[in-house]
Amino acid sequence: MNGEEEAVLASEGPDPVVLGELLAVLTQRRGWSARLQGARVHDVWEEIAGAQLARHAEPVRLHGGVLVVRVASTTWATQLRFLGARLLSRANAVMGDGQVRSLTVVVGNLVGDPPA
């Protein structure tokens, strides 16, 4: 912790402080808010993609408004590119307007899938 963060914690006084409030201050001051928001895409992926697509595609990362999605095959890559605009719209509806500006699709083994 740097001196500024220690001062924030100390300024709270002797009364108990809600841990969530302290974490919010810490993440904002450290500049982690955008990164944590980007990581949220993993938690809401099925809501964004739908159950069928979520079985064949997974978010890799969301950084700088670019959502990178890995798919299991070139067939699913084509399908995902075809659904791109709708997927972006759905992602912004779930994540918040402007969070996702573009989509990049890569083909590879999904996490948990054995190598081909």
N, C-alpha and C. Protein backbone atom coordinates (compact mmCIF):
# COMPACT_ATOMS: atom_id res chain seq x y z
N MET A 1 0.84 -1.17 0.00
CA MET A 1 0.00 0.00 0.00
C MET A 1 0.89 1.24 0.00
N ASN A 2 0.52 2.24 -0.80
CA ASN A 2 1.30 3.46 -0.78
C ASN A 2 0.73 4.41 0.28
N GLY A 3 1.43 5.52 0.50
CA GLY A 3 1.02 6.45 1.54
C GLY A 3 -0.37 7.00 1.35
N GLU A 4 -0.75 7.25 0.10
CA GLU A 4 -2.08 7.79 -0.18
C GLU A 4 -3.17 6.80 0.22
N GLU A 5 -2.97 5.51 -0.10
CA GLU A 5 -3.97 4.50 0.26
C GLU A 5 -4.04 4.33 1.77
N GLU A 6 -2.90 4.37 2.44
CA GLU A 6 -2.90 4.29 3.90
C GLU A 6 -3.66 5.45 4.51
N ALA A 7 -3.51 6.64 3.90
CA ALA A 7 -4.22 7.82 4.39
C ALA A 7 -5.73 7.65 4.22
N VAL A 8 -6.15 7.07 3.10
CA VAL A 8 -7.58 6.83 2.87
C VAL A 8 -8.12 5.89 3.93
N LEU A 9 -7.39 4.82 4.19
CA LEU A 9 -7.84 3.86 5.18
C LEU A 9 -7.85 4.48 6.57
N ALA A 10 -6.81 5.24 6.89
CA ALA A 10 -6.72 5.86 8.21
C ALA A 10 -7.79 6.92 8.41
N SER A 11 -8.17 7.61 7.33
CA SER A 11 -9.16 8.68 7.44
C SER A 11 -10.55 8.15 7.73
N GLU A 12 -10.73 6.85 7.57
CA GLU A 12 -12.03 6.26 7.83
C GLU A 12 -12.36 6.27 9.32
N GLY A 13 -11.35 6.44 10.16
CA GLY A 13 -11.59 6.51 11.60
C GLY A 13 -11.69 5.14 12.24
N PRO A 14 -12.03 5.12 13.51
CA PRO A 14 -12.06 3.86 14.24
C PRO A 14 -13.31 3.01 13.96
N ASP A 15 -14.31 3.60 13.33
CA ASP A 15 -15.53 2.86 13.07
C ASP A 15 -15.31 1.82 11.96
N PRO A 16 -16.04 0.73 12.02
CA PRO A 16 -15.92 -0.28 10.97
C PRO A 16 -16.28 0.31 9.60
N VAL A 17 -15.60 -0.18 8.59
CA VAL A 17 -15.84 0.28 7.22
C VAL A 17 -16.20 -0.95 6.39
N VAL A 18 -17.14 -0.79 5.52
CA VAL A 18 -17.54 -1.89 4.64
C VAL A 18 -16.38 -2.21 3.71
N LEU A 19 -16.00 -3.48 3.65
CA LEU A 19 -14.88 -3.91 2.84
C LEU A 19 -15.07 -3.55 1.37
N GLY A 20 -16.29 -3.69 0.89
CA GLY A 20 -16.57 -3.36 -0.51
C GLY A 20 -16.27 -1.91 -0.83
N GLU A 21 -16.55 -1.02 0.10
CA GLU A 21 -16.26 0.40 -0.11
C GLU A 21 -14.76 0.63 -0.18
N LEU A 22 -14.01 -0.03 0.69
CA LEU A 22 -12.56 0.11 0.66
C LEU A 22 -11.98 -0.44 -0.64
N LEU A 23 -12.51 -1.58 -1.08
CA LEU A 23 -12.03 -2.16 -2.33
C LEU A 23 -12.36 -1.26 -3.52
N ALA A 24 -13.53 -0.63 -3.49
CA ALA A 24 -13.89 0.29 -4.57
C ALA A 24 -12.92 1.46 -4.64
N VAL A 25 -12.57 2.01 -3.49
CA VAL A 25 -11.61 3.12 -3.45
C VAL A 25 -10.26 2.65 -3.98
N LEU A 26 -9.82 1.49 -3.52
CA LEU A 26 -8.52 0.96 -3.93
C LEU A 26 -8.47 0.70 -5.43
N THR A 27 -9.49 0.04 -5.98
CA THR A 27 -9.48 -0.26 -7.41
C THR A 27 -9.54 1.00 -8.26
N GLN A 28 -10.28 1.98 -7.81
CA GLN A 28 -10.36 3.24 -8.56
C GLN A 28 -9.01 3.96 -8.54
N ARG A 29 -8.42 4.06 -7.37
CA ARG A 29 -7.15 4.78 -7.24
C ARG A 29 -6.01 4.06 -7.95
N ARG A 30 -6.06 2.77 -8.00
CA ARG A 30 -5.01 2.00 -8.68
C ARG A 30 -5.25 1.89 -10.18
N GLY A 31 -6.42 2.32 -10.65
CA GLY A 31 -6.72 2.23 -12.07
C GLY A 31 -7.13 0.84 -12.52
N TRP A 32 -7.65 0.05 -11.60
CA TRP A 32 -8.03 -1.32 -11.92
C TRP A 32 -9.47 -1.46 -12.37
N SER A 33 -10.26 -0.42 -12.29
CA SER A 33 -11.70 -0.52 -12.57
C SER A 33 -11.98 -1.05 -13.97
N ALA A 34 -11.31 -0.51 -14.98
CA ALA A 34 -11.56 -0.94 -16.36
C ALA A 34 -11.16 -2.40 -16.54
N ARG A 35 -10.06 -2.79 -15.93
CA ARG A 35 -9.60 -4.17 -16.06
C ARG A 35 -10.59 -5.13 -15.40
N LEU A 36 -11.09 -4.77 -14.24
CA LEU A 36 -12.07 -5.62 -13.57
C LEU A 36 -13.37 -5.69 -14.35
N GLN A 37 -13.78 -4.58 -14.94
CA GLN A 37 -14.98 -4.58 -15.78
C GLN A 37 -14.79 -5.50 -16.97
N GLY A 38 -13.60 -5.47 -17.56
CA GLY A 38 -13.31 -6.35 -18.68
C GLY A 38 -13.34 -7.81 -18.30
N ALA A 39 -12.87 -8.12 -17.10
CA ALA A 39 -12.87 -9.51 -16.63
C ALA A 39 -14.29 -10.02 -16.40
N ARG A 40 -15.20 -9.12 -16.17
CA ARG A 40 -16.60 -9.49 -15.92
C ARG A 40 -17.22 -10.23 -17.11
N VAL A 41 -16.68 -10.03 -18.30
CA VAL A 41 -17.23 -10.67 -19.49
C VAL A 41 -17.26 -12.18 -19.34
N HIS A 42 -16.32 -12.75 -18.60
CA HIS A 42 -16.29 -14.20 -18.39
C HIS A 42 -17.50 -14.66 -17.58
N ASP A 43 -17.92 -13.84 -16.62
CA ASP A 43 -19.05 -14.20 -15.77
C ASP A 43 -20.39 -14.12 -16.48
N VAL A 44 -20.50 -13.26 -17.47
CA VAL A 44 -21.78 -13.04 -18.14
C VAL A 44 -21.78 -13.55 -19.58
N TRP A 45 -20.78 -14.34 -19.94
CA TRP A 45 -20.64 -14.77 -21.33
C TRP A 45 -21.87 -15.51 -21.85
N GLU A 46 -22.42 -16.44 -21.08
CA GLU A 46 -23.59 -17.19 -21.58
C GLU A 46 -24.78 -16.25 -21.78
N GLU A 47 -24.92 -15.26 -20.95
CA GLU A 47 -25.98 -14.28 -21.12
C GLU A 47 -25.79 -13.47 -22.40
N ILE A 48 -24.54 -13.18 -22.73
CA ILE A 48 -24.23 -12.43 -23.95
C ILE A 48 -24.42 -13.30 -25.18
N ALA A 49 -23.81 -14.48 -25.16
CA ALA A 49 -23.73 -15.32 -26.35
C ALA A 49 -24.91 -16.26 -26.54
N GLY A 50 -25.58 -16.60 -25.46
CA GLY A 50 -26.60 -17.64 -25.55
C GLY A 50 -25.97 -18.99 -25.28
N ALA A 51 -26.77 -19.93 -24.84
CA ALA A 51 -26.26 -21.23 -24.40
C ALA A 51 -25.55 -22.00 -25.52
N GLN A 52 -26.12 -22.02 -26.71
CA GLN A 52 -25.52 -22.81 -27.79
C GLN A 52 -24.17 -22.24 -28.21
N LEU A 53 -24.10 -20.95 -28.46
CA LEU A 53 -22.83 -20.35 -28.86
C LEU A 53 -21.80 -20.43 -27.74
N ALA A 54 -22.23 -20.27 -26.50
CA ALA A 54 -21.31 -20.32 -25.36
C ALA A 54 -20.65 -21.69 -25.23
N ARG A 55 -21.27 -22.74 -25.74
CA ARG A 55 -20.65 -24.07 -25.70
C ARG A 55 -19.52 -24.21 -26.71
N HIS A 56 -19.50 -23.34 -27.73
CA HIS A 56 -18.51 -23.45 -28.81
C HIS A 56 -17.59 -22.24 -28.90
N ALA A 57 -17.77 -21.29 -28.01
CA ALA A 57 -16.97 -20.07 -28.04
C ALA A 57 -16.78 -19.57 -26.61
N GLU A 58 -15.66 -18.91 -26.36
CA GLU A 58 -15.40 -18.37 -25.02
C GLU A 58 -14.67 -17.04 -25.13
N PRO A 59 -14.96 -16.14 -24.21
CA PRO A 59 -14.23 -14.87 -24.23
C PRO A 59 -12.79 -15.11 -23.75
N VAL A 60 -11.86 -14.48 -24.44
CA VAL A 60 -10.46 -14.55 -24.04
C VAL A 60 -10.14 -13.34 -23.17
N ARG A 61 -10.55 -12.16 -23.67
CA ARG A 61 -10.33 -10.92 -22.92
C ARG A 61 -11.18 -9.81 -23.51
N LEU A 62 -11.40 -8.80 -22.70
CA LEU A 62 -12.01 -7.55 -23.14
C LEU A 62 -11.08 -6.45 -22.66
N HIS A 63 -10.43 -5.81 -23.59
CA HIS A 63 -9.47 -4.77 -23.24
C HIS A 63 -9.56 -3.66 -24.28
N GLY A 64 -9.68 -2.44 -23.80
CA GLY A 64 -9.74 -1.30 -24.71
C GLY A 64 -10.93 -1.34 -25.65
N GLY A 65 -12.01 -1.98 -25.21
CA GLY A 65 -13.21 -2.06 -26.03
C GLY A 65 -13.20 -3.18 -27.05
N VAL A 66 -12.11 -3.95 -27.11
CA VAL A 66 -12.00 -5.06 -28.06
C VAL A 66 -12.26 -6.37 -27.33
N LEU A 67 -13.30 -7.06 -27.74
CA LEU A 67 -13.64 -8.37 -27.18
C LEU A 67 -13.01 -9.43 -28.07
N VAL A 68 -12.10 -10.21 -27.50
CA VAL A 68 -11.47 -11.32 -28.21
C VAL A 68 -12.18 -12.59 -27.78
N VAL A 69 -12.67 -13.33 -28.77
CA VAL A 69 -13.41 -14.56 -28.51
C VAL A 69 -12.73 -15.71 -29.24
N ARG A 70 -12.51 -16.81 -28.50
CA ARG A 70 -11.93 -18.02 -29.09
C ARG A 70 -13.06 -18.98 -29.41
N VAL A 71 -13.02 -19.56 -30.59
CA VAL A 71 -14.02 -20.54 -31.00
C VAL A 71 -13.34 -21.87 -31.30
N ALA A 72 -14.13 -22.93 -31.27
CA ALA A 72 -13.59 -24.28 -31.39
C ALA A 72 -13.24 -24.67 -32.83
N SER A 73 -13.81 -24.00 -33.81
CA SER A 73 -13.57 -24.40 -35.21
C SER A 73 -13.77 -23.21 -36.14
N THR A 74 -13.31 -23.38 -37.37
CA THR A 74 -13.51 -22.33 -38.37
C THR A 74 -14.99 -22.15 -38.70
N THR A 75 -15.76 -23.22 -38.58
CA THR A 75 -17.20 -23.12 -38.80
C THR A 75 -17.82 -22.16 -37.80
N TRP A 76 -17.44 -22.31 -36.51
CA TRP A 76 -17.97 -21.41 -35.49
C TRP A 76 -17.40 -20.01 -35.64
N ALA A 77 -16.19 -19.89 -36.15
CA ALA A 77 -15.62 -18.56 -36.39
C ALA A 77 -16.46 -17.82 -37.43
N THR A 78 -16.84 -18.52 -38.49
CA THR A 78 -17.68 -17.93 -39.52
C THR A 78 -19.03 -17.52 -38.94
N GLN A 79 -19.61 -18.39 -38.15
CA GLN A 79 -20.91 -18.10 -37.52
C GLN A 79 -20.80 -16.88 -36.61
N LEU A 80 -19.73 -16.82 -35.82
CA LEU A 80 -19.56 -15.71 -34.90
C LEU A 80 -19.37 -14.39 -35.65
N ARG A 81 -18.62 -14.42 -36.73
CA ARG A 81 -18.44 -13.20 -37.53
C ARG A 81 -19.77 -12.76 -38.15
N PHE A 82 -20.57 -13.73 -38.57
CA PHE A 82 -21.89 -13.43 -39.12
C PHE A 82 -22.78 -12.77 -38.07
N LEU A 83 -22.67 -13.24 -36.82
CA LEU A 83 -23.48 -12.71 -35.72
C LEU A 83 -22.81 -11.53 -35.01
N GLY A 84 -21.70 -11.06 -35.52
CA GLY A 84 -20.89 -10.05 -34.85
C GLY A 84 -21.64 -8.83 -34.36
N ALA A 85 -22.43 -8.19 -35.21
CA ALA A 85 -23.14 -6.97 -34.82
C ALA A 85 -24.14 -7.26 -33.70
N ARG A 86 -24.83 -8.37 -33.83
CA ARG A 86 -25.81 -8.74 -32.80
C ARG A 86 -25.11 -9.07 -31.48
N LEU A 87 -23.96 -9.73 -31.57
CA LEU A 87 -23.20 -10.07 -30.37
C LEU A 87 -22.66 -8.80 -29.68
N LEU A 88 -22.18 -7.85 -30.46
CA LEU A 88 -21.71 -6.58 -29.90
C LEU A 88 -22.85 -5.84 -29.20
N SER A 89 -23.99 -5.82 -29.83
CA SER A 89 -25.15 -5.16 -29.24
C SER A 89 -25.54 -5.82 -27.92
N ARG A 90 -25.56 -7.13 -27.92
CA ARG A 90 -25.92 -7.88 -26.71
C ARG A 90 -24.87 -7.67 -25.61
N ALA A 91 -23.60 -7.68 -25.99
CA ALA A 91 -22.52 -7.47 -25.01
C ALA A 91 -22.66 -6.10 -24.36
N ASN A 92 -22.96 -5.09 -25.14
CA ASN A 92 -23.12 -3.74 -24.58
C ASN A 92 -24.39 -3.64 -23.73
N ALA A 93 -25.41 -4.38 -24.09
CA ALA A 93 -26.63 -4.37 -23.26
C ALA A 93 -26.34 -4.99 -21.89
N VAL A 94 -25.52 -6.02 -21.86
CA VAL A 94 -25.21 -6.71 -20.61
C VAL A 94 -24.11 -6.00 -19.83
N MET A 95 -23.06 -5.58 -20.53
CA MET A 95 -21.88 -5.00 -19.87
C MET A 95 -21.99 -3.50 -19.62
N GLY A 96 -22.83 -2.84 -20.42
CA GLY A 96 -22.94 -1.38 -20.33
C GLY A 96 -22.54 -0.76 -21.66
N ASP A 97 -23.29 0.24 -22.07
CA ASP A 97 -23.04 0.88 -23.37
C ASP A 97 -21.60 1.34 -23.52
N GLY A 98 -21.04 1.05 -24.68
CA GLY A 98 -19.69 1.49 -25.01
C GLY A 98 -18.58 0.62 -24.48
N GLN A 99 -18.90 -0.42 -23.71
CA GLN A 99 -17.85 -1.30 -23.17
C GLN A 99 -17.19 -2.12 -24.26
N VAL A 100 -17.97 -2.53 -25.27
CA VAL A 100 -17.45 -3.38 -26.34
C VAL A 100 -17.65 -2.65 -27.66
N ARG A 101 -16.53 -2.33 -28.32
CA ARG A 101 -16.61 -1.59 -29.59
C ARG A 101 -16.31 -2.45 -30.80
N SER A 102 -15.54 -3.52 -30.60
CA SER A 102 -15.24 -4.40 -31.73
C SER A 102 -15.01 -5.82 -31.24
N LEU A 103 -15.03 -6.73 -32.19
CA LEU A 103 -14.95 -8.15 -31.91
C LEU A 103 -13.81 -8.75 -32.74
N THR A 104 -12.96 -9.54 -32.10
CA THR A 104 -11.91 -10.28 -32.79
C THR A 104 -12.15 -11.76 -32.49
N VAL A 105 -12.13 -12.57 -33.53
CA VAL A 105 -12.39 -14.00 -33.39
C VAL A 105 -11.10 -14.77 -33.68
N VAL A 106 -10.75 -15.68 -32.79
CA VAL A 106 -9.60 -16.56 -33.00
C VAL A 106 -10.07 -18.00 -32.86
N VAL A 107 -9.40 -18.91 -33.56
CA VAL A 107 -9.75 -20.32 -33.52
C VAL A 107 -8.71 -21.04 -32.67
N GLY A 108 -9.17 -21.90 -31.77
CA GLY A 108 -8.26 -22.68 -30.94
C GLY A 108 -9.01 -23.57 -29.99
N ASN A 109 -8.26 -24.30 -29.20
CA ASN A 109 -8.88 -25.19 -28.21
C ASN A 109 -9.52 -24.35 -27.11
N LEU A 110 -10.74 -24.69 -26.77
CA LEU A 110 -11.41 -24.00 -25.68
C LEU A 110 -10.84 -24.49 -24.36
N VAL A 111 -10.87 -23.65 -23.35
CA VAL A 111 -10.39 -24.04 -22.03
C VAL A 111 -11.17 -25.27 -21.58
N GLY A 112 -10.47 -26.26 -21.12
CA GLY A 112 -11.14 -27.49 -20.67
C GLY A 112 -11.26 -28.53 -21.77
N ASP A 113 -11.08 -28.12 -23.03
CA ASP A 113 -11.11 -29.08 -24.11
C ASP A 113 -9.74 -29.74 -24.25
N PRO A 114 -9.69 -31.03 -24.49
CA PRO A 114 -8.39 -31.67 -24.73
C PRO A 114 -7.83 -31.19 -26.06
N PRO A 115 -6.50 -31.09 -26.20
CA PRO A 115 -5.91 -30.68 -27.48
C PRO A 115 -6.32 -31.63 -28.59
N ALA A 116 -6.51 -31.06 -29.76
CA ALA A 116 -6.94 -31.87 -30.91
C ALA A 116 -5.79 -32.68 -31.48
